[in-house]
Amino acid sequence: MQTETGKKRKTLAGNTQDIFRLIQSIPSKKAEPFKRWLAKIGKERLDEIENPELAQERMKEIYEKKGYPKDWIDKRLRGIAIRQNLTDEWKDRGIEKQLDFAILTAEIAKATFGMTPSEYKNLKNLPKKSKVNLRDHMDDLELIFTMLGERVTTEISKKEKPDTFTQNKKVAKRGGKVAGNARKETEKELGRSVISKQNYLDKNDHLEVEKKS
């Protein structure tokens, strides 16, 4: 791997799964608490496969610990379900590559908000190359119009059954356009933009919540 000084050195490395496997193989008693934790997490995930409602309850607890109010959490979880329905529909239409999912999602976002998710992250000053989820930093209206664009896209796709990537792309634009038009009408009534530069929780709030949780 390349070092900070630009030199390349042989390095032992692994992804998260590799590290967990390594920990499981350690015979030391000091590793036992972590092994028990991994076993507990594994059991919880198996339970969630049998009963998906358990996964929803776990997500609620995570968002509550981060300081989000319950009404926002309800919208966020509903948005996750709508997103899942959309990705399932895309898979039925033959879309499989993650890059294609990202392209179609960007088309919906551009038509809804006038910018791609990466541009939206930049607007909210969120790190681009990270696992920070843009939707966790949206307010109620931003989430609602995101859901609208994705839900309408799903319904159009189910009705027309596009069978090429180009056709799916056009459907994504149309679904996003419906949400975009609704957003613009809402902005006229409110006299302000729905699009916000603010993170839902600012960095200091995140740090404070993490320390407490």
C-alpha atoms as a PDB file:
ATOM      1  CA  MET A   1       0.000   0.000   0.000  1.00  0.00           C
ATOM      2  CA  GLN A   2       1.045   3.579  -0.591  1.00  0.00           C
ATOM      3  CA  THR A   3       2.172   5.472   2.517  1.00  0.00           C
ATOM      4  CA  GLU A   4       1.568   9.138   3.282  1.00  0.00           C
ATOM      5  CA  THR A   5       5.017   9.906   1.894  1.00  0.00           C
ATOM      6  CA  GLY A   6       4.221   8.212  -1.405  1.00  0.00           C
ATOM      7  CA  LYS A   7       6.252   5.055  -0.821  1.00  0.00           C
ATOM      8  CA  LYS A   8       4.748   1.599  -1.234  1.00  0.00           C
ATOM      9  CA  ARG A   9       5.162  -0.930   1.544  1.00  0.00           C
ATOM     10  CA  LYS A  10       3.890  -4.461   2.076  1.00  0.00           C
ATOM     11  CA  THR A  11       0.999  -4.226   4.509  1.00  0.00           C
ATOM     12  CA  LEU A  12      -1.208  -6.758   6.264  1.00  0.00           C
ATOM     13  CA  ALA A  13      -4.772  -5.557   5.806  1.00  0.00           C
ATOM     14  CA  GLY A  14      -8.330  -6.770   5.693  1.00  0.00           C
ATOM     15  CA  ASN A  15     -11.915  -5.621   5.420  1.00  0.00           C
ATOM     16  CA  THR A  16     -14.418  -5.737   8.293  1.00  0.00           C
ATOM     17  CA  GLN A  17     -15.351  -9.345   7.588  1.00  0.00           C
ATOM     18  CA  ASP A  18     -11.679 -10.384   7.543  1.00  0.00           C
ATOM     19  CA  ILE A  19     -11.046  -8.694  10.898  1.00  0.00           C
ATOM     20  CA  PHE A  20     -14.030 -10.444  12.485  1.00  0.00           C
ATOM     21  CA  ARG A  21     -12.804 -13.816  11.207  1.00  0.00           C
ATOM     22  CA  LEU A  22      -9.345 -13.060  12.604  1.00  0.00           C
ATOM     23  CA  ILE A  23     -10.775 -12.216  16.027  1.00  0.00           C
ATOM     24  CA  GLN A  24     -12.788 -15.450  16.046  1.00  0.00           C
ATOM     25  CA  SER A  25      -9.577 -17.424  15.517  1.00  0.00           C
ATOM     26  CA  ILE A  26      -7.727 -15.830  18.464  1.00  0.00           C
ATOM     27  CA  PRO A  27      -7.455 -18.387  21.336  1.00  0.00           C
ATOM     28  CA  SER A  28      -6.792 -15.751  24.012  1.00  0.00           C
ATOM     29  CA  LYS A  29      -9.382 -15.314  26.794  1.00  0.00           C
ATOM     30  CA  LYS A  30      -9.141 -11.560  26.221  1.00  0.00           C
ATOM     31  CA  ALA A  31     -10.926 -12.053  22.889  1.00  0.00           C
ATOM     32  CA  GLU A  32     -13.873 -13.893  24.468  1.00  0.00           C
ATOM     33  CA  PRO A  33     -16.011 -10.785  25.249  1.00  0.00           C
ATOM     34  CA  PHE A  34     -15.770  -9.710  21.602  1.00  0.00           C
ATOM     35  CA  LYS A  35     -16.534 -13.245  20.400  1.00  0.00           C
ATOM     36  CA  ARG A  36     -19.639 -13.340  22.597  1.00  0.00           C
ATOM     37  CA  TRP A  37     -20.686  -9.968  21.198  1.00  0.00           C
ATOM     38  CA  LEU A  38     -20.289 -11.279  17.625  1.00  0.00           C
ATOM     39  CA  ALA A  39     -22.379 -14.347  18.526  1.00  0.00           C
ATOM     40  CA  LYS A  40     -25.077 -12.095  20.010  1.00  0.00           C
ATOM     41  CA  ILE A  41     -25.157  -9.908  16.880  1.00  0.00           C
ATOM     42  CA  GLY A  42     -25.317 -13.001  14.673  1.00  0.00           C
ATOM     43  CA  LYS A  43     -28.292 -14.384  16.589  1.00  0.00           C
ATOM     44  CA  GLU A  44     -30.086 -11.041  16.412  1.00  0.00           C
ATOM     45  CA  ARG A  45     -29.656 -10.918  12.627  1.00  0.00           C
ATOM     46  CA  LEU A  46     -30.991 -14.478  12.245  1.00  0.00           C
ATOM     47  CA  ASP A  47     -33.991 -13.528  14.389  1.00  0.00           C
ATOM     48  CA  GLU A  48     -34.564 -10.490  12.152  1.00  0.00           C
ATOM     49  CA  ILE A  49     -34.546 -12.688   9.043  1.00  0.00           C
ATOM     50  CA  GLU A  50     -37.373 -14.728  10.569  1.00  0.00           C
ATOM     51  CA  ASN A  51     -39.187 -11.632  11.828  1.00  0.00           C
ATOM     52  CA  PRO A  52     -38.356  -8.421   9.847  1.00  0.00           C
ATOM     53  CA  GLU A  53     -40.259  -6.289  12.383  1.00  0.00           C
ATOM     54  CA  LEU A  54     -37.388  -6.869  14.815  1.00  0.00           C
ATOM     55  CA  ALA A  55     -35.023  -5.149  12.370  1.00  0.00           C
ATOM     56  CA  GLN A  56     -37.357  -2.153  12.217  1.00  0.00           C
ATOM     57  CA  GLU A  57     -37.440  -1.930  15.999  1.00  0.00           C
ATOM     58  CA  ARG A  58     -33.639  -2.072  16.108  1.00  0.00           C
ATOM     59  CA  MET A  59     -33.394   0.796  13.599  1.00  0.00           C
ATOM     60  CA  LYS A  60     -35.821   2.851  15.688  1.00  0.00           C
ATOM     61  CA  GLU A  61     -33.633   2.371  18.743  1.00  0.00           C
ATOM     62  CA  ILE A  62     -30.506   3.399  16.820  1.00  0.00           C
ATOM     63  CA  TYR A  63     -32.100   6.622  15.546  1.00  0.00           C
ATOM     64  CA  GLU A  64     -33.536   7.409  18.989  1.00  0.00           C
ATOM     65  CA  LYS A  65     -30.060   7.069  20.521  1.00  0.00           C
ATOM     66  CA  LYS A  66     -28.739   9.497  17.921  1.00  0.00           C
ATOM     67  CA  GLY A  67     -31.297  12.062  19.055  1.00  0.00           C
ATOM     68  CA  TYR A  68     -33.873  11.992  16.266  1.00  0.00           C
ATOM     69  CA  PRO A  69     -37.530  12.650  17.222  1.00  0.00           C
ATOM     70  CA  LYS A  70     -40.048   9.837  16.754  1.00  0.00           C
ATOM     71  CA  ASP A  71     -42.075  11.557  14.015  1.00  0.00           C
ATOM     72  CA  TRP A  72     -38.902  11.957  11.910  1.00  0.00           C
ATOM     73  CA  ILE A  73     -37.957   8.326  12.581  1.00  0.00           C
ATOM     74  CA  ASP A  74     -41.347   7.150  11.329  1.00  0.00           C
ATOM     75  CA  LYS A  75     -40.824   9.005   8.042  1.00  0.00           C
ATOM     76  CA  ARG A  76     -37.267   7.714   7.719  1.00  0.00           C
ATOM     77  CA  LEU A  77     -38.335   4.104   8.212  1.00  0.00           C
ATOM     78  CA  ARG A  78     -41.185   4.536   5.758  1.00  0.00           C
ATOM     79  CA  GLY A  79     -38.674   5.955   3.286  1.00  0.00           C
ATOM     80  CA  ILE A  80     -36.482   2.876   3.741  1.00  0.00           C
ATOM     81  CA  ALA A  81     -39.445   0.623   2.902  1.00  0.00           C
ATOM     82  CA  ILE A  82     -40.288   2.681  -0.190  1.00  0.00           C
ATOM     83  CA  ARG A  83     -36.657   2.558  -1.290  1.00  0.00           C
ATOM     84  CA  GLN A  84     -36.606  -1.217  -0.873  1.00  0.00           C
ATOM     85  CA  ASN A  85     -39.738  -1.551  -3.000  1.00  0.00           C
ATOM     86  CA  LEU A  86     -38.060   0.513  -5.707  1.00  0.00           C
ATOM     87  CA  THR A  87     -34.833  -1.499  -5.730  1.00  0.00           C
ATOM     88  CA  ASP A  88     -36.866  -4.733  -5.820  1.00  0.00           C
ATOM     89  CA  GLU A  89     -38.751  -3.383  -8.826  1.00  0.00           C
ATOM     90  CA  TRP A  90     -35.499  -2.453 -10.561  1.00  0.00           C
ATOM     91  CA  LYS A  91     -34.190  -5.968  -9.970  1.00  0.00           C
ATOM     92  CA  ASP A  92     -37.361  -7.358 -11.555  1.00  0.00           C
ATOM     93  CA  ARG A  93     -36.608  -5.133 -14.558  1.00  0.00           C
ATOM     94  CA  GLY A  94     -33.124  -6.668 -14.864  1.00  0.00           C
ATOM     95  CA  ILE A  95     -31.101  -3.989 -13.080  1.00  0.00           C
ATOM     96  CA  GLU A  96     -28.344  -5.668 -11.051  1.00  0.00           C
ATOM     97  CA  LYS A  97     -25.197  -3.508 -10.909  1.00  0.00           C
ATOM     98  CA  GLN A  98     -24.760  -1.115  -7.989  1.00  0.00           C
ATOM     99  CA  LEU A  99     -23.524   1.534 -10.411  1.00  0.00           C
ATOM    100  CA  ASP A 100     -26.797   1.288 -12.354  1.00  0.00           C
ATOM    101  CA  PHE A 101     -28.782   1.669  -9.121  1.00  0.00           C
ATOM    102  CA  ALA A 102     -26.737   4.782  -8.343  1.00  0.00           C
ATOM    103  CA  ILE A 103     -27.320   6.246 -11.811  1.00  0.00           C
ATOM    104  CA  LEU A 104     -31.086   5.700 -11.629  1.00  0.00           C
ATOM    105  CA  THR A 105     -31.210   7.135  -8.105  1.00  0.00           C
ATOM    106  CA  ALA A 106     -29.310  10.194  -9.317  1.00  0.00           C
ATOM    107  CA  GLU A 107     -31.855  10.690 -12.114  1.00  0.00           C
ATOM    108  CA  ILE A 108     -34.717  10.736  -9.604  1.00  0.00           C
ATOM    109  CA  ALA A 109     -32.822  13.138  -7.333  1.00  0.00           C
ATOM    110  CA  LYS A 110     -31.949  15.515 -10.193  1.00  0.00           C
ATOM    111  CA  ALA A 111     -35.565  15.666 -11.309  1.00  0.00           C
ATOM    112  CA  THR A 112     -36.815  16.074  -7.733  1.00  0.00           C
ATOM    113  CA  PHE A 113     -34.284  18.519  -6.289  1.00  0.00           C
ATOM    114  CA  GLY A 114     -32.273  19.704  -9.283  1.00  0.00           C
ATOM    115  CA  MET A 115     -29.098  17.981  -8.091  1.00  0.00           C
ATOM    116  CA  THR A 116     -27.571  14.539  -7.692  1.00  0.00           C
ATOM    117  CA  PRO A 117     -27.120  12.933  -4.242  1.00  0.00           C
ATOM    118  CA  SER A 118     -23.383  13.738  -4.308  1.00  0.00           C
ATOM    119  CA  GLU A 119     -24.164  17.389  -5.120  1.00  0.00           C
ATOM    120  CA  TYR A 120     -26.740  17.391  -2.334  1.00  0.00           C
ATOM    121  CA  LYS A 121     -24.122  16.053   0.087  1.00  0.00           C
ATOM    122  CA  ASN A 122     -21.816  18.846  -0.959  1.00  0.00           C
ATOM    123  CA  LEU A 123     -24.571  21.412  -0.355  1.00  0.00           C
ATOM    124  CA  LYS A 124     -25.039  20.073   3.174  1.00  0.00           C
ATOM    125  CA  ASN A 125     -21.258  19.961   3.677  1.00  0.00           C
ATOM    126  CA  LEU A 126     -21.281  16.198   4.211  1.00  0.00           C
ATOM    127  CA  PRO A 127     -18.182  14.136   3.381  1.00  0.00           C
ATOM    128  CA  LYS A 128     -18.578  12.695  -0.125  1.00  0.00           C
ATOM    129  CA  LYS A 129     -16.395   9.616   0.261  1.00  0.00           C
ATOM    130  CA  SER A 130     -17.949   8.232   3.420  1.00  0.00           C
ATOM    131  CA  LYS A 131     -20.821   6.041   4.551  1.00  0.00           C
ATOM    132  CA  VAL A 132     -22.743   9.063   5.813  1.00  0.00           C
ATOM    133  CA  ASN A 133     -26.303   8.666   4.550  1.00  0.00           C
ATOM    134  CA  LEU A 134     -27.661  11.849   2.963  1.00  0.00           C
ATOM    135  CA  ARG A 135     -31.215  10.990   4.024  1.00  0.00           C
ATOM    136  CA  ASP A 136     -30.207  10.954   7.688  1.00  0.00           C
ATOM    137  CA  HIS A 137     -29.496  14.679   7.271  1.00  0.00           C
ATOM    138  CA  MET A 138     -32.752  15.605   5.534  1.00  0.00           C
ATOM    139  CA  ASP A 139     -35.653  17.306   7.257  1.00  0.00           C
ATOM    140  CA  ASP A 140     -39.297  16.188   6.993  1.00  0.00           C
ATOM    141  CA  LEU A 141     -40.086  17.846   3.658  1.00  0.00           C
ATOM    142  CA  GLU A 142     -36.864  16.688   2.019  1.00  0.00           C
ATOM    143  CA  LEU A 143     -37.659  13.123   3.073  1.00  0.00           C
ATOM    144  CA  ILE A 144     -41.253  13.400   1.869  1.00  0.00           C
ATOM    145  CA  PHE A 145     -40.299  14.539  -1.638  1.00  0.00           C
ATOM    146  CA  THR A 146     -37.574  11.898  -1.808  1.00  0.00           C
ATOM    147  CA  MET A 147     -40.187   9.266  -0.985  1.00  0.00           C
ATOM    148  CA  LEU A 148     -42.632  10.710  -3.512  1.00  0.00           C
ATOM    149  CA  GLY A 149     -40.128  10.575  -6.362  1.00  0.00           C
ATOM    150  CA  GLU A 150     -39.156   6.995  -5.594  1.00  0.00           C
ATOM    151  CA  ARG A 151     -42.702   5.782  -5.031  1.00  0.00           C
ATOM    152  CA  VAL A 152     -44.009   7.299  -8.273  1.00  0.00           C
ATOM    153  CA  THR A 153     -41.040   5.797 -10.135  1.00  0.00           C
ATOM    154  CA  THR A 154     -41.947   2.377  -8.712  1.00  0.00           C
ATOM    155  CA  GLU A 155     -45.587   2.718  -9.760  1.00  0.00           C
ATOM    156  CA  ILE A 156     -44.719   3.829 -13.307  1.00  0.00           C
ATOM    157  CA  SER A 157     -42.260   0.972 -13.640  1.00  0.00           C
ATOM    158  CA  LYS A 158     -44.809  -1.599 -12.455  1.00  0.00           C
ATOM    159  CA  LYS A 159     -47.319  -0.265 -14.962  1.00  0.00           C
ATOM    160  CA  GLU A 160     -45.023   0.013 -18.010  1.00  0.00           C
ATOM    161  CA  LYS A 161     -42.442  -2.714 -17.224  1.00  0.00           C
ATOM    162  CA  PRO A 162     -39.390  -1.123 -18.916  1.00  0.00           C
ATOM    163  CA  ASP A 163     -36.975  -3.799 -20.107  1.00  0.00           C
ATOM    164  CA  THR A 164     -33.842  -1.794 -20.908  1.00  0.00           C
ATOM    165  CA  PHE A 165     -31.617   0.445 -18.791  1.00  0.00           C
ATOM    166  CA  THR A 166     -32.415   3.425 -21.031  1.00  0.00           C
ATOM    167  CA  GLN A 167     -36.140   2.911 -20.516  1.00  0.00           C
ATOM    168  CA  ASN A 168     -35.663   2.585 -16.750  1.00  0.00           C
ATOM    169  CA  LYS A 169     -33.680   5.809 -16.798  1.00  0.00           C
ATOM    170  CA  LYS A 170     -36.549   7.623 -18.520  1.00  0.00           C
ATOM    171  CA  VAL A 171     -39.009   6.245 -15.966  1.00  0.00           C
ATOM    172  CA  ALA A 172     -36.758   7.442 -13.134  1.00  0.00           C
ATOM    173  CA  LYS A 173     -36.712  10.944 -14.607  1.00  0.00           C
ATOM    174  CA  ARG A 174     -40.508  10.965 -14.924  1.00  0.00           C
ATOM    175  CA  GLY A 175     -41.001   9.773 -11.351  1.00  0.00           C
ATOM    176  CA  GLY A 176     -38.602  12.396 -10.078  1.00  0.00           C
ATOM    177  CA  LYS A 177     -40.277  15.085 -12.191  1.00  0.00           C
ATOM    178  CA  VAL A 178     -43.601  14.448 -10.445  1.00  0.00           C
ATOM    179  CA  ALA A 179     -41.910  15.008  -7.087  1.00  0.00           C
ATOM    180  CA  GLY A 180     -40.000  17.987  -8.476  1.00  0.00           C
ATOM    181  CA  ASN A 181     -43.184  19.689  -9.638  1.00  0.00           C
ATOM    182  CA  ALA A 182     -44.810  19.043  -6.254  1.00  0.00           C
ATOM    183  CA  ARG A 183     -41.743  20.503  -4.530  1.00  0.00           C
ATOM    184  CA  LYS A 184     -41.886  23.668  -6.641  1.00  0.00           C
ATOM    185  CA  GLU A 185     -45.594  24.136  -5.919  1.00  0.00           C
ATOM    186  CA  THR A 186     -44.917  23.659  -2.213  1.00  0.00           C
ATOM    187  CA  GLU A 187     -42.123  26.226  -2.313  1.00  0.00           C
ATOM    188  CA  LYS A 188     -44.492  28.757  -3.935  1.00  0.00           C
ATOM    189  CA  GLU A 189     -46.988  28.275  -1.128  1.00  0.00           C
ATOM    190  CA  LEU A 190     -44.357  28.427   1.613  1.00  0.00           C
ATOM    191  CA  GLY A 191     -42.373  31.261   0.072  1.00  0.00           C
ATOM    192  CA  ARG A 192     -39.100  29.445   0.699  1.00  0.00           C
ATOM    193  CA  SER A 193     -36.990  26.617  -0.665  1.00  0.00           C
ATOM    194  CA  VAL A 194     -37.613  23.095   0.553  1.00  0.00           C
ATOM    195  CA  ILE A 195     -33.952  22.301  -0.085  1.00  0.00           C
ATOM    196  CA  SER A 196     -31.885  22.994   3.010  1.00  0.00           C
ATOM    197  CA  LYS A 197     -28.146  23.457   3.454  1.00  0.00           C
ATOM    198  CA  GLN A 198     -28.470  22.398   7.071  1.00  0.00           C
ATOM    199  CA  ASN A 199     -27.729  18.914   8.387  1.00  0.00           C
ATOM    200  CA  TYR A 200     -30.621  17.514  10.373  1.00  0.00           C
ATOM    201  CA  LEU A 201     -28.300  17.204  13.360  1.00  0.00           C
ATOM    202  CA  ASP A 202     -25.203  19.388  13.335  1.00  0.00           C
ATOM    203  CA  LYS A 203     -21.750  17.912  13.969  1.00  0.00           C
ATOM    204  CA  ASN A 204     -21.637  18.982  17.612  1.00  0.00           C
ATOM    205  CA  ASP A 205     -24.974  17.284  18.312  1.00  0.00           C
ATOM    206  CA  HIS A 206     -23.707  14.088  16.688  1.00  0.00           C
ATOM    207  CA  LEU A 207     -20.564  14.079  18.807  1.00  0.00           C
ATOM    208  CA  GLU A 208     -22.492  14.740  22.004  1.00  0.00           C
ATOM    209  CA  VAL A 209     -25.032  12.015  21.272  1.00  0.00           C
ATOM    210  CA  GLU A 210     -22.281   9.511  20.421  1.00  0.00           C
ATOM    211  CA  LYS A 211     -20.558  10.232  23.745  1.00  0.00           C
ATOM    212  CA  LYS A 212     -23.784   9.592  25.668  1.00  0.00           C
ATOM    213  CA  SER A 213     -24.793   6.461  23.741  1.00  0.00           C
END
